[in-house]
Amino acid sequence: MVNEFHLYFGKYPTDKCIHTVNEVEEAISEHKDVHTTQVNCADMLLLDNGYRIFIHPFEGDVFEITLGDCANTTREIRLGHNLPRLLIAGEFDTDTTNVIGR
Protein backbone atom coordinates (compact mmCIF):
# COMPACT_ATOMS: atom_id res chain seq x y z
CA MET A 1 0.00 0.00 0.00
CA VAL A 2 1.36 3.38 -0.98
CA ASN A 3 0.65 6.31 1.30
CA GLU A 4 0.74 9.97 0.34
CA PHE A 5 2.45 12.92 2.03
CA HIS A 6 1.05 16.28 0.92
CA LEU A 7 2.93 19.46 1.86
CA TYR A 8 1.06 22.75 1.45
CA PHE A 9 2.72 26.14 1.06
CA GLY A 10 -0.44 28.03 0.23
CA LYS A 11 -4.08 27.18 0.63
CA TYR A 12 -4.62 23.88 2.42
CA PRO A 13 -7.62 21.66 3.17
CA THR A 14 -8.69 22.81 6.64
CA ASP A 15 -10.73 19.66 7.26
CA LYS A 16 -7.80 17.21 7.03
CA CYS A 17 -4.57 19.19 7.38
CA ILE A 18 -2.46 18.57 10.49
CA HIS A 19 -0.17 21.30 11.78
CA THR A 20 2.12 19.94 14.47
CA VAL A 21 5.23 17.81 14.11
CA ASN A 22 3.90 15.35 16.68
CA GLU A 23 0.67 14.85 14.73
CA VAL A 24 2.61 14.30 11.50
CA GLU A 25 5.00 11.83 13.12
CA GLU A 26 2.07 9.94 14.65
CA ALA A 27 0.26 9.73 11.30
CA ILE A 28 3.43 8.44 9.61
CA SER A 29 4.01 5.85 12.34
CA GLU A 30 0.44 4.65 11.75
CA HIS A 31 1.04 4.56 7.95
CA LYS A 32 -1.69 7.13 7.27
CA ASP A 33 -1.83 9.69 4.49
CA VAL A 34 -0.50 13.06 5.65
CA HIS A 35 -1.67 16.55 4.72
CA THR A 36 0.41 19.20 6.46
CA THR A 37 2.11 22.58 6.38
CA GLN A 38 5.18 21.28 8.29
CA VAL A 39 8.10 21.63 5.85
CA ASN A 40 10.55 20.02 8.27
CA CYS A 41 8.55 16.76 8.16
CA ALA A 42 9.10 16.33 4.41
CA ASP A 43 11.91 13.82 4.81
CA MET A 44 13.29 11.94 1.81
CA LEU A 45 13.10 8.73 3.86
CA LEU A 46 9.35 8.89 3.38
CA LEU A 47 10.02 7.58 -0.13
CA ASP A 48 11.91 4.64 1.33
CA ASN A 49 8.98 3.97 3.67
CA GLY A 50 6.41 3.66 0.89
CA TYR A 51 5.17 7.25 0.71
CA ARG A 52 4.70 9.44 -2.34
CA ILE A 53 5.50 13.11 -1.65
CA PHE A 54 3.37 15.82 -3.23
CA ILE A 55 4.14 19.53 -3.02
CA HIS A 56 1.36 22.12 -3.22
CA PRO A 57 3.20 25.40 -3.96
CA PHE A 58 1.93 28.94 -3.39
CA GLU A 59 1.56 29.26 -7.15
CA GLY A 60 1.60 26.69 -9.89
CA ASP A 61 0.58 23.07 -10.14
CA VAL A 62 1.01 20.34 -7.57
CA PHE A 63 4.07 18.20 -8.28
CA GLU A 64 5.57 14.99 -6.96
CA ILE A 65 9.03 14.59 -5.47
CA THR A 66 10.66 11.56 -7.08
CA LEU A 67 14.11 10.04 -6.99
CA GLY A 68 16.29 10.73 -10.02
CA ASP A 69 14.57 13.05 -12.48
CA CYS A 70 12.07 15.18 -10.63
CA ALA A 71 9.54 17.83 -11.63
CA ASN A 72 10.54 21.51 -11.35
CA THR A 73 14.28 20.91 -11.01
CA THR A 74 17.26 19.88 -13.09
CA ARG A 75 18.93 18.35 -10.03
CA GLU A 76 19.03 14.55 -9.72
CA ILE A 77 17.18 13.87 -6.47
CA ARG A 78 18.64 11.29 -4.07
CA LEU A 79 17.59 9.90 -0.68
CA GLY A 80 20.52 11.74 0.90
CA HIS A 81 19.16 15.17 -0.03
CA ASN A 82 17.71 17.39 2.68
CA LEU A 83 14.28 18.01 1.17
CA PRO A 84 13.21 20.76 3.59
CA ARG A 85 16.36 22.75 2.77
CA LEU A 86 15.84 22.28 -0.97
CA LEU A 87 12.24 23.45 -0.68
CA ILE A 88 13.08 26.49 1.46
CA ALA A 89 15.97 27.42 -0.86
CA GLY A 90 13.56 27.48 -3.80
CA GLU A 91 15.07 24.52 -5.69
CA PHE A 92 11.67 23.55 -7.10
CA ASP A 93 10.30 27.04 -7.73
CA THR A 94 9.21 27.49 -11.32
CA ASP A 95 9.51 31.29 -11.03
CA THR A 96 12.96 31.94 -9.56
CA THR A 97 12.60 35.73 -9.74
CA ASN A 98 10.78 35.70 -6.38
CA VAL A 99 13.36 33.57 -4.57
CA ILE A 100 15.60 35.38 -2.12
CA GLY A 101 19.25 35.21 -3.07
CA ARG A 102 18.77 34.34 -6.74
PDB file of N, CA and C in Angstrom:
ATOM      1  N   MET A   1       0.843  -1.188   0.000  1.00  0.00           N
ATOM      2  CA  MET A   1       0.000   0.000   0.000  1.00  0.00           C
ATOM      3  C   MET A   1       0.885   1.246   0.000  1.00  0.00           C
ATOM      4  N   VAL A   2       0.598   2.146  -0.889  1.00  0.00           N
ATOM      5  CA  VAL A   2       1.358   3.383  -0.982  1.00  0.00           C
ATOM      6  C   VAL A   2       0.574   4.495  -0.287  1.00  0.00           C
ATOM      7  N   ASN A   3       1.255   5.179   0.615  1.00  0.00           N
ATOM      8  CA  ASN A   3       0.648   6.311   1.296  1.00  0.00           C
ATOM      9  C   ASN A   3       1.113   7.600   0.645  1.00  0.00           C
ATOM     10  N   GLU A   4       0.393   8.674   0.921  1.00  0.00           N
ATOM     11  CA  GLU A   4       0.735   9.971   0.341  1.00  0.00           C
ATOM     12  C   GLU A   4       1.037  10.987   1.431  1.00  0.00           C
ATOM     13  N   PHE A   5       2.064  11.799   1.165  1.00  0.00           N
ATOM     14  CA  PHE A   5       2.450  12.916   2.028  1.00  0.00           C
ATOM     15  C   PHE A   5       2.254  14.178   1.214  1.00  0.00           C
ATOM     16  N   HIS A   6       1.340  15.044   1.638  1.00  0.00           N
ATOM     17  CA  HIS A   6       1.046  16.282   0.925  1.00  0.00           C
ATOM     18  C   HIS A   6       1.531  17.457   1.767  1.00  0.00           C
ATOM     19  N   LEU A   7       2.401  18.274   1.183  1.00  0.00           N
ATOM     20  CA  LEU A   7       2.927  19.459   1.859  1.00  0.00           C
ATOM     21  C   LEU A   7       2.361  20.701   1.178  1.00  0.00           C
ATOM     22  N   TYR A   8       1.723  21.557   1.973  1.00  0.00           N
ATOM     23  CA  TYR A   8       1.059  22.749   1.451  1.00  0.00           C
ATOM     24  C   TYR A   8       1.826  24.008   1.830  1.00  0.00           C
ATOM     25  N   PHE A   9       2.103  24.845   0.831  1.00  0.00           N
ATOM     26  CA  PHE A   9       2.721  26.145   1.057  1.00  0.00           C
ATOM     27  C   PHE A   9       1.693  27.270   0.991  1.00  0.00           C
ATOM     28  N   GLY A  10       0.609  27.021   0.351  1.00  0.00           N
ATOM     29  CA  GLY A  10      -0.440  28.034   0.228  1.00  0.00           C
ATOM     30  C   GLY A  10      -1.710  27.528   0.865  1.00  0.00           C
ATOM     31  N   LYS A  11      -2.793  27.619   0.129  1.00  0.00           N
ATOM     32  CA  LYS A  11      -4.084  27.185   0.631  1.00  0.00           C
ATOM     33  C   LYS A  11      -4.049  25.680   0.906  1.00  0.00           C
ATOM     34  N   TYR A  12      -4.610  25.298   2.045  1.00  0.00           N
ATOM     35  CA  TYR A  12      -4.617  23.882   2.423  1.00  0.00           C
ATOM     36  C   TYR A  12      -6.025  23.459   2.838  1.00  0.00           C
ATOM     37  N   PRO A  13      -6.286  22.154   2.792  1.00  0.00           N
ATOM     38  CA  PRO A  13      -7.619  21.665   3.171  1.00  0.00           C
ATOM     39  C   PRO A  13      -7.781  21.698   4.695  1.00  0.00           C
ATOM     40  N   THR A  14      -8.559  22.618   5.192  1.00  0.00           N
ATOM     41  CA  THR A  14      -8.691  22.807   6.636  1.00  0.00           C
ATOM     42  C   THR A  14      -9.297  21.597   7.341  1.00  0.00           C
ATOM     43  N   ASP A  15     -10.066  20.800   6.629  1.00  0.00           N
ATOM     44  CA  ASP A  15     -10.728  19.664   7.259  1.00  0.00           C
ATOM     45  C   ASP A  15      -9.812  18.475   7.511  1.00  0.00           C
ATOM     46  N   LYS A  16      -8.653  18.375   6.832  1.00  0.00           N
ATOM     47  CA  LYS A  16      -7.800  17.206   7.034  1.00  0.00           C
ATOM     48  C   LYS A  16      -6.317  17.541   7.211  1.00  0.00           C
ATOM     49  N   CYS A  17      -5.972  18.799   7.261  1.00  0.00           N
ATOM     50  CA  CYS A  17      -4.572  19.186   7.383  1.00  0.00           C
ATOM     51  C   CYS A  17      -4.150  19.179   8.855  1.00  0.00           C
ATOM     52  N   ILE A  18      -2.984  18.579   9.136  1.00  0.00           N
ATOM     53  CA  ILE A  18      -2.456  18.570  10.494  1.00  0.00           C
ATOM     54  C   ILE A  18      -1.264  19.526  10.564  1.00  0.00           C
ATOM     55  N   HIS A  19      -1.109  20.189  11.716  1.00  0.00           N
ATOM     56  CA  HIS A  19      -0.171  21.302  11.783  1.00  0.00           C
ATOM     57  C   HIS A  19       0.959  21.162  12.788  1.00  0.00           C
ATOM     58  N   THR A  20       1.013  20.079  13.527  1.00  0.00           N
ATOM     59  CA  THR A  20       2.119  19.936  14.471  1.00  0.00           C
ATOM     60  C   THR A  20       3.004  18.775  14.066  1.00  0.00           C
ATOM     61  N   VAL A  21       4.267  18.872  14.422  1.00  0.00           N
ATOM     62  CA  VAL A  21       5.230  17.813  14.107  1.00  0.00           C
ATOM     63  C   VAL A  21       4.793  16.506  14.758  1.00  0.00           C
ATOM     64  N   ASN A  22       4.334  16.565  15.988  1.00  0.00           N
ATOM     65  CA  ASN A  22       3.897  15.350  16.681  1.00  0.00           C
ATOM     66  C   ASN A  22       2.757  14.654  15.958  1.00  0.00           C
ATOM     67  N   GLU A  23       1.793  15.434  15.471  1.00  0.00           N
ATOM     68  CA  GLU A  23       0.670  14.848  14.726  1.00  0.00           C
ATOM     69  C   GLU A  23       1.145  14.201  13.426  1.00  0.00           C
ATOM     70  N   VAL A  24       2.075  14.851  12.744  1.00  0.00           N
ATOM     71  CA  VAL A  24       2.611  14.301  11.497  1.00  0.00           C
ATOM     72  C   VAL A  24       3.361  13.008  11.787  1.00  0.00           C
ATOM     73  N   GLU A  25       4.223  13.027  12.785  1.00  0.00           N
ATOM     74  CA  GLU A  25       4.998  11.830  13.121  1.00  0.00           C
ATOM     75  C   GLU A  25       4.085  10.676  13.520  1.00  0.00           C
ATOM     76  N   GLU A  26       3.017  10.980  14.257  1.00  0.00           N
ATOM     77  CA  GLU A  26       2.067   9.936  14.655  1.00  0.00           C
ATOM     78  C   GLU A  26       1.362   9.345  13.434  1.00  0.00           C
ATOM     79  N   ALA A  27       0.932  10.202  12.518  1.00  0.00           N
ATOM     80  CA  ALA A  27       0.263   9.727  11.295  1.00  0.00           C
ATOM     81  C   ALA A  27       1.197   8.842  10.472  1.00  0.00           C
ATOM     82  N   ILE A  28       2.458   9.236  10.368  1.00  0.00           N
ATOM     83  CA  ILE A  28       3.427   8.437   9.608  1.00  0.00           C
ATOM     84  C   ILE A  28       3.662   7.093  10.295  1.00  0.00           C
ATOM     85  N   SER A  29       3.787   7.109  11.620  1.00  0.00           N
ATOM     86  CA  SER A  29       4.014   5.847  12.341  1.00  0.00           C
ATOM     87  C   SER A  29       2.826   4.898  12.191  1.00  0.00           C
ATOM     88  N   GLU A  30       1.642   5.452  11.957  1.00  0.00           N
ATOM     89  CA  GLU A  30       0.439   4.648  11.748  1.00  0.00           C
ATOM     90  C   GLU A  30       0.177   4.382  10.265  1.00  0.00           C
ATOM     91  N   HIS A  31       1.121   4.769   9.406  1.00  0.00           N
ATOM     92  CA  HIS A  31       1.042   4.564   7.952  1.00  0.00           C
ATOM     93  C   HIS A  31      -0.226   5.173   7.356  1.00  0.00           C
ATOM     94  N   LYS A  32      -0.537   6.398   7.793  1.00  0.00           N
ATOM     95  CA  LYS A  32      -1.687   7.126   7.266  1.00  0.00           C
ATOM     96  C   LYS A  32      -1.218   8.164   6.251  1.00  0.00           C
ATOM     97  N   ASP A  33      -2.123   8.572   5.373  1.00  0.00           N
ATOM     98  CA  ASP A  33      -1.830   9.689   4.488  1.00  0.00           C
ATOM     99  C   ASP A  33      -1.672  10.940   5.346  1.00  0.00           C
ATOM    100  N   VAL A  34      -0.793  11.842   4.896  1.00  0.00           N
ATOM    101  CA  VAL A  34      -0.502  13.058   5.652  1.00  0.00           C
ATOM    102  C   VAL A  34      -0.771  14.273   4.770  1.00  0.00           C
ATOM    103  N   HIS A  35      -1.456  15.248   5.334  1.00  0.00           N
ATOM    104  CA  HIS A  35      -1.668  16.554   4.719  1.00  0.00           C
ATOM    105  C   HIS A  35      -1.209  17.556   5.771  1.00  0.00           C
ATOM    106  N   THR A  36      -0.167  18.339   5.449  1.00  0.00           N
ATOM    107  CA  THR A  36       0.415  19.202   6.459  1.00  0.00           C
ATOM    108  C   THR A  36       1.036  20.460   5.855  1.00  0.00           C
ATOM    109  N   THR A  37       1.373  21.380   6.744  1.00  0.00           N
ATOM    110  CA  THR A  37       2.112  22.583   6.383  1.00  0.00           C
ATOM    111  C   THR A  37       3.520  22.541   6.994  1.00  0.00           C
ATOM    112  N   GLN A  38       3.900  21.430   7.605  1.00  0.00           N
ATOM    113  CA  GLN A  38       5.183  21.279   8.292  1.00  0.00           C
ATOM    114  C   GLN A  38       6.289  20.886   7.302  1.00  0.00           C
ATOM    115  N   VAL A  39       7.027  21.873   6.826  1.00  0.00           N
ATOM    116  CA  VAL A  39       8.096  21.633   5.846  1.00  0.00           C
ATOM    117  C   VAL A  39       9.140  20.676   6.413  1.00  0.00           C
ATOM    118  N   ASN A  40       9.491  20.827   7.686  1.00  0.00           N
ATOM    119  CA  ASN A  40      10.554  20.015   8.265  1.00  0.00           C
ATOM    120  C   ASN A  40      10.192  18.540   8.358  1.00  0.00           C
ATOM    121  N   CYS A  41       8.955  18.173   8.133  1.00  0.00           N
ATOM    122  CA  CYS A  41       8.549  16.763   8.157  1.00  0.00           C
ATOM    123  C   CYS A  41       8.656  16.097   6.782  1.00  0.00           C
ATOM    124  N   ALA A  42       8.986  16.862   5.770  1.00  0.00           N
ATOM    125  CA  ALA A  42       9.098  16.333   4.410  1.00  0.00           C
ATOM    126  C   ALA A  42      10.467  15.691   4.235  1.00  0.00           C
ATOM    127  N   ASP A  43      10.638  14.536   4.801  1.00  0.00           N
ATOM    128  CA  ASP A  43      11.909  13.820   4.806  1.00  0.00           C
ATOM    129  C   ASP A  43      11.982  12.879   3.605  1.00  0.00           C
ATOM    130  N   MET A  44      13.132  12.824   2.967  1.00  0.00           N
ATOM    131  CA  MET A  44      13.295  11.943   1.812  1.00  0.00           C
ATOM    132  C   MET A  44      13.097  10.470   2.179  1.00  0.00           C
ATOM    133  N   LEU A  45      13.303  10.112   3.437  1.00  0.00           N
ATOM    134  CA  LEU A  45      13.103   8.730   3.862  1.00  0.00           C
ATOM    135  C   LEU A  45      11.646   8.293   3.754  1.00  0.00           C
ATOM    136  N   LEU A  46      10.747   9.253   3.621  1.00  0.00           N
ATOM    137  CA  LEU A  46       9.354   8.895   3.376  1.00  0.00           C
ATOM    138  C   LEU A  46       9.239   8.036   2.119  1.00  0.00           C
ATOM    139  N   LEU A  47      10.041   8.359   1.111  1.00  0.00           N
ATOM    140  CA  LEU A  47      10.022   7.584  -0.134  1.00  0.00           C
ATOM    141  C   LEU A  47      10.434   6.142   0.126  1.00  0.00           C
ATOM    142  N   ASP A  48      11.427   5.964   0.982  1.00  0.00           N
ATOM    143  CA  ASP A  48      11.915   4.635   1.329  1.00  0.00           C
ATOM    144  C   ASP A  48      10.892   3.862   2.162  1.00  0.00           C
ATOM    145  N   ASN A  49       9.996   4.590   2.816  1.00  0.00           N
ATOM    146  CA  ASN A  49       8.976   3.971   3.667  1.00  0.00           C
ATOM    147  C   ASN A  49       7.622   3.835   2.973  1.00  0.00           C
ATOM    148  N   GLY A  50       7.626   3.916   1.652  1.00  0.00           N
ATOM    149  CA  GLY A  50       6.409   3.660   0.894  1.00  0.00           C
ATOM    150  C   GLY A  50       5.493   4.847   0.679  1.00  0.00           C
ATOM    151  N   TYR A  51       5.983   6.056   0.920  1.00  0.00           N
ATOM    152  CA  TYR A  51       5.168   7.254   0.711  1.00  0.00           C
ATOM    153  C   TYR A  51       5.492   7.897  -0.631  1.00  0.00           C
ATOM    154  N   ARG A  52       4.502   8.529  -1.214  1.00  0.00           N
ATOM    155  CA  ARG A  52       4.701   9.436  -2.340  1.00  0.00           C
ATOM    156  C   ARG A  52       4.598  10.833  -1.756  1.00  0.00           C
ATOM    157  N   ILE A  53       5.476  11.751  -2.189  1.00  0.00           N
ATOM    158  CA  ILE A  53       5.504  13.109  -1.648  1.00  0.00           C
ATOM    159  C   ILE A  53       4.993  14.080  -2.709  1.00  0.00           C
ATOM    160  N   PHE A  54       3.965  14.827  -2.335  1.00  0.00           N
ATOM    161  CA  PHE A  54       3.374  15.815  -3.230  1.00  0.00           C
ATOM    162  C   PHE A  54       3.529  17.200  -2.624  1.00  0.00           C
ATOM    163  N   ILE A  55       3.959  18.158  -3.445  1.00  0.00           N
ATOM    164  CA  ILE A  55       4.145  19.535  -3.015  1.00  0.00           C
ATOM    165  C   ILE A  55       3.050  20.396  -3.634  1.00  0.00           C
ATOM    166  N   HIS A  56       2.395  21.181  -2.794  1.00  0.00           N
ATOM    167  CA  HIS A  56       1.360  22.117  -3.224  1.00  0.00           C
ATOM    168  C   HIS A  56       1.941  23.523  -3.037  1.00  0.00           C
ATOM    169  N   PRO A  57       2.529  24.094  -4.100  1.00  0.00           N
ATOM    170  CA  PRO A  57       3.199  25.400  -3.964  1.00  0.00           C
ATOM    171  C   PRO A  57       2.210  26.554  -3.829  1.00  0.00           C
ATOM    172  N   PHE A  58       2.752  27.731  -3.448  1.00  0.00           N
ATOM    173  CA  PHE A  58       1.927  28.941  -3.386  1.00  0.00           C
ATOM    174  C   PHE A  58       1.261  29.175  -4.730  1.00  0.00           C
ATOM    175  N   GLU A  59       2.055  29.056  -5.789  1.00  0.00           N
ATOM    176  CA  GLU A  59       1.562  29.256  -7.151  1.00  0.00           C
ATOM    177  C   GLU A  59       2.010  28.085  -8.001  1.00  0.00           C
ATOM    178  N   GLY A  60       1.231  27.771  -8.988  1.00  0.00           N
ATOM    179  CA  GLY A  60       1.596  26.690  -9.895  1.00  0.00           C
ATOM    180  C   GLY A  60       0.906  25.391  -9.515  1.00  0.00           C
ATOM    181  N   ASP A  61       1.234  24.368 -10.289  1.00  0.00           N
ATOM    182  CA  ASP A  61       0.585  23.072 -10.138  1.00  0.00           C
ATOM    183  C   ASP A  61       1.264  22.216  -9.077  1.00  0.00           C
ATOM    184  N   VAL A  62       0.492  21.331  -8.508  1.00  0.00           N
ATOM    185  CA  VAL A  62       1.005  20.336  -7.573  1.00  0.00           C
ATOM    186  C   VAL A  62       2.002  19.462  -8.324  1.00  0.00           C
ATOM    187  N   PHE A  63       3.111  19.092  -7.654  1.00  0.00           N
ATOM    188  CA  PHE A  63       4.067  18.198  -8.281  1.00  0.00           C
ATOM    189  C   PHE A  63       4.555  17.174  -7.271  1.00  0.00           C
ATOM    190  N   GLU A  64       5.101  16.084  -7.798  1.00  0.00           N
ATOM    191  CA  GLU A  64       5.571  14.991  -6.960  1.00  0.00           C
ATOM    192  C   GLU A  64       7.092  15.005  -6.874  1.00  0.00           C
ATOM    193  N   ILE A  65       7.599  14.749  -5.671  1.00  0.00           N
ATOM    194  CA  ILE A  65       9.034  14.590  -5.474  1.00  0.00           C
ATOM    195  C   ILE A  65       9.365  13.131  -5.769  1.00  0.00           C
ATOM    196  N   THR A  66      10.261  12.910  -6.711  1.00  0.00           N
ATOM    197  CA  THR A  66      10.664  11.557  -7.076  1.00  0.00           C
ATOM    198  C   THR A  66      12.183  11.457  -7.065  1.00  0.00           C
ATOM    199  N   LEU A  67      12.671  10.255  -6.914  1.00  0.00           N
ATOM    200  CA  LEU A  67      14.114  10.043  -6.991  1.00  0.00           C
ATOM    201  C   LEU A  67      14.551  10.133  -8.446  1.00  0.00           C
ATOM    202  N   GLY A  68      15.777  10.565  -8.656  1.00  0.00           N
ATOM    203  CA  GLY A  68      16.288  10.733 -10.017  1.00  0.00           C
ATOM    204  C   GLY A  68      15.738  12.002 -10.620  1.00  0.00           C
ATOM    205  N   ASP A  69      15.188  11.893 -11.828  1.00  0.00           N
ATOM    206  CA  ASP A  69      14.571  13.045 -12.476  1.00  0.00           C
ATOM    207  C   ASP A  69      13.316  13.424 -11.709  1.00  0.00           C
ATOM    208  N   CYS A  70      13.185  14.703 -11.446  1.00  0.00           N
ATOM    209  CA  CYS A  70      12.069  15.184 -10.625  1.00  0.00           C
ATOM    210  C   CYS A  70      11.508  16.466 -11.235  1.00  0.00           C
ATOM    211  N   ALA A  71      10.209  16.635 -11.097  1.00  0.00           N
ATOM    212  CA  ALA A  71       9.542  17.832 -11.626  1.00  0.00           C
ATOM    213  C   ALA A  71      10.119  19.097 -11.005  1.00  0.00           C
ATOM    214  N   ASN A  72      10.166  20.155 -11.794  1.00  0.00           N
ATOM    215  CA  ASN A  72      10.539  21.506 -11.352  1.00  0.00           C
ATOM    216  C   ASN A  72      12.000  21.669 -10.944  1.00  0.00           C
ATOM    217  N   THR A  73      12.861  20.745 -11.298  1.00  0.00           N
ATOM    218  CA  THR A  73      14.284  20.907 -11.010  1.00  0.00           C
ATOM    219  C   THR A  73      15.113  20.145 -12.032  1.00  0.00           C
ATOM    220  N   THR A  74      16.335  20.599 -12.228  1.00  0.00           N
ATOM    221  CA  THR A  74      17.259  19.876 -13.088  1.00  0.00           C
ATOM    222  C   THR A  74      18.196  19.004 -12.259  1.00  0.00           C
ATOM    223  N   ARG A  75      18.097  19.133 -10.947  1.00  0.00           N
ATOM    224  CA  ARG A  75      18.927  18.351 -10.026  1.00  0.00           C
ATOM    225  C   ARG A  75      18.443  16.899  -9.989  1.00  0.00           C
ATOM    226  N   GLU A  76      19.383  15.958  -9.925  1.00  0.00           N
ATOM    227  CA  GLU A  76      19.025  14.554  -9.722  1.00  0.00           C
ATOM    228  C   GLU A  76      18.772  14.359  -8.227  1.00  0.00           C
ATOM    229  N   ILE A  77      17.574  13.982  -7.874  1.00  0.00           N
ATOM    230  CA  ILE A  77      17.177  13.874  -6.471  1.00  0.00           C
ATOM    231  C   ILE A  77      17.565  12.497  -5.923  1.00  0.00           C
ATOM    232  N   ARG A  78      18.204  12.519  -4.736  1.00  0.00           N
ATOM    233  CA  ARG A  78      18.643  11.290  -4.066  1.00  0.00           C
ATOM    234  C   ARG A  78      18.081  11.249  -2.645  1.00  0.00           C
ATOM    235  N   LEU A  79      18.067  10.047  -2.057  1.00  0.00           N
ATOM    236  CA  LEU A  79      17.587   9.897  -0.683  1.00  0.00           C
ATOM    237  C   LEU A  79      18.399  10.738   0.297  1.00  0.00           C
ATOM    238  N   GLY A  80      19.661  10.983   0.004  1.00  0.00           N
ATOM    239  CA  GLY A  80      20.523  11.745   0.898  1.00  0.00           C
ATOM    240  C   GLY A  80      20.261  13.241   0.917  1.00  0.00           C
ATOM    241  N   HIS A  81      19.451  13.736  -0.007  1.00  0.00           N
ATOM    242  CA  HIS A  81      19.159  15.168  -0.028  1.00  0.00           C
ATOM    243  C   HIS A  81      18.311  15.573   1.168  1.00  0.00           C
ATOM    244  N   ASN A  82      18.513  16.802   1.600  1.00  0.00           N
ATOM    245  CA  ASN A  82      17.711  17.385   2.678  1.00  0.00           C
ATOM    246  C   ASN A  82      16.549  18.123   2.008  1.00  0.00           C
ATOM    247  N   LEU A  83      15.423  17.455   1.893  1.00  0.00           N
ATOM    248  CA  LEU A  83      14.283  18.013   1.167  1.00  0.00           C
ATOM    249  C   LEU A  83      13.783  19.325   1.753  1.00  0.00           C
ATOM    250  N   PRO A  84      13.657  19.461   3.071  1.00  0.00           N
ATOM    251  CA  PRO A  84      13.208  20.764   3.586  1.00  0.00           C
ATOM    252  C   PRO A  84      14.122  21.914   3.162  1.00  0.00           C
ATOM    253  N   ARG A  85      15.427  21.690   3.191  1.00  0.00           N
ATOM    254  CA  ARG A  85      16.358  22.753   2.765  1.00  0.00           C
ATOM    255  C   ARG A  85      16.201  23.074   1.288  1.00  0.00           C
ATOM    256  N   LEU A  86      16.031  22.043   0.460  1.00  0.00           N
ATOM    257  CA  LEU A  86      15.838  22.281  -0.971  1.00  0.00           C
ATOM    258  C   LEU A  86      14.565  23.082  -1.220  1.00  0.00           C
ATOM    259  N   LEU A  87      13.504  22.741  -0.504  1.00  0.00           N
ATOM    260  CA  LEU A  87      12.237  23.452  -0.677  1.00  0.00           C
ATOM    261  C   LEU A  87      12.353  24.903  -0.236  1.00  0.00           C
ATOM    262  N   ILE A  88      12.942  25.131   0.934  1.00  0.00           N
ATOM    263  CA  ILE A  88      13.081  26.488   1.456  1.00  0.00           C
ATOM    264  C   ILE A  88      13.998  27.324   0.578  1.00  0.00           C
ATOM    265  N   ALA A  89      15.029  26.697   0.010  1.00  0.00           N
ATOM    266  CA  ALA A  89      15.967  27.417  -0.856  1.00  0.00           C
ATOM    267  C   ALA A  89      15.372  27.736  -2.227  1.00  0.00           C
ATOM    268  N   GLY A  90      14.208  27.180  -2.526  1.00  0.00           N
ATOM    269  CA  GLY A  90      13.562  27.478  -3.805  1.00  0.00           C
ATOM    270  C   GLY A  90      13.999  26.583  -4.943  1.00  0.00           C
ATOM    271  N   GLU A  91      14.574  25.436  -4.644  1.00  0.00           N
ATOM    272  CA  GLU A  91      15.067  24.522  -5.688  1.00  0.00           C
ATOM    273  C   GLU A  91      13.977  24.132  -6.678  1.00  0.00           C
ATOM    274  N   PHE A  92      12.754  24.021  -6.242  1.00  0.00           N
ATOM    275  CA  PHE A  92      11.670  23.546  -7.097  1.00  0.00           C
ATOM    276  C   PHE A  92      10.764  24.662  -7.601  1.00  0.00           C
ATOM    277  N   ASP A  93      11.131  25.915  -7.293  1.00  0.00           N
ATOM    278  CA  ASP A  93      10.304  27.037  -7.730  1.00  0.00           C
ATOM    279  C   ASP A  93      10.377  27.183  -9.243  1.00  0.00           C
ATOM    280  N   THR A  94       9.230  27.324  -9.866  1.00  0.00           N
ATOM    281  CA  THR A  94       9.211  27.494 -11.321  1.00  0.00           C
ATOM    282  C   THR A  94       9.487  28.935 -11.710  1.00  0.00           C
ATOM    283  N   ASP A  95       9.227  29.873 -10.789  1.00  0.00           N
ATOM    284  CA  ASP A  95       9.513  31.289 -11.027  1.00  0.00           C
ATOM    285  C   ASP A  95      10.591  31.705 -10.036  1.00  0.00           C
ATOM    286  N   THR A  96      11.849  31.669 -10.464  1.00  0.00           N
ATOM    287  CA  THR A  96      12.957  31.942  -9.556  1.00  0.00           C
ATOM    288  C   THR A  96      13.185  33.428  -9.321  1.00  0.00           C
ATOM    289  N   THR A  97      12.399  34.286  -9.958  1.00  0.00           N
ATOM    290  CA  THR A  97      12.602  35.732  -9.736  1.00  0.00           C
ATOM    291  C   THR A  97      12.134  36.157  -8.355  1.00  0.00           C
ATOM    292  N   ASN A  98      11.279  35.350  -7.707  1.00  0.00           N
ATOM    293  CA  ASN A  98      10.777  35.703  -6.382  1.00  0.00           C
ATOM    294  C   ASN A  98      11.547  35.022  -5.263  1.00  0.00           C
ATOM    295  N   VAL A  99      12.594  34.306  -5.578  1.00  0.00           N
ATOM    296  CA  VAL A  99      13.357  33.569  -4.573  1.00  0.00           C
ATOM    297  C   VAL A  99      14.463  34.456  -4.044  1.00  0.00           C
ATOM    298  N   ILE A 100      14.561  34.570  -2.743  1.00  0.00           N
ATOM    299  CA  ILE A 100      15.600  35.383  -2.120  1.00  0.00           C
ATOM    300  C   ILE A 100      16.968  34.794  -2.448  1.00  0.00           C
ATOM    301  N   GLY A 101      17.886  35.641  -2.812  1.00  0.00           N
ATOM    302  CA  GLY A 101      19.253  35.206  -3.074  1.00  0.00           C
ATOM    303  C   GLY A 101      19.521  34.752  -4.490  1.00  0.00           C
ATOM    304  N   ARG A 102      18.525  34.759  -5.343  1.00  0.00           N
ATOM    305  CA  ARG A 102      18.768  34.344  -6.744  1.00  0.00           C
ATOM    306  C   ARG A 102      18.683  35.536  -7.657  1.00  0.00           C
TER     307      ARG A 102
END
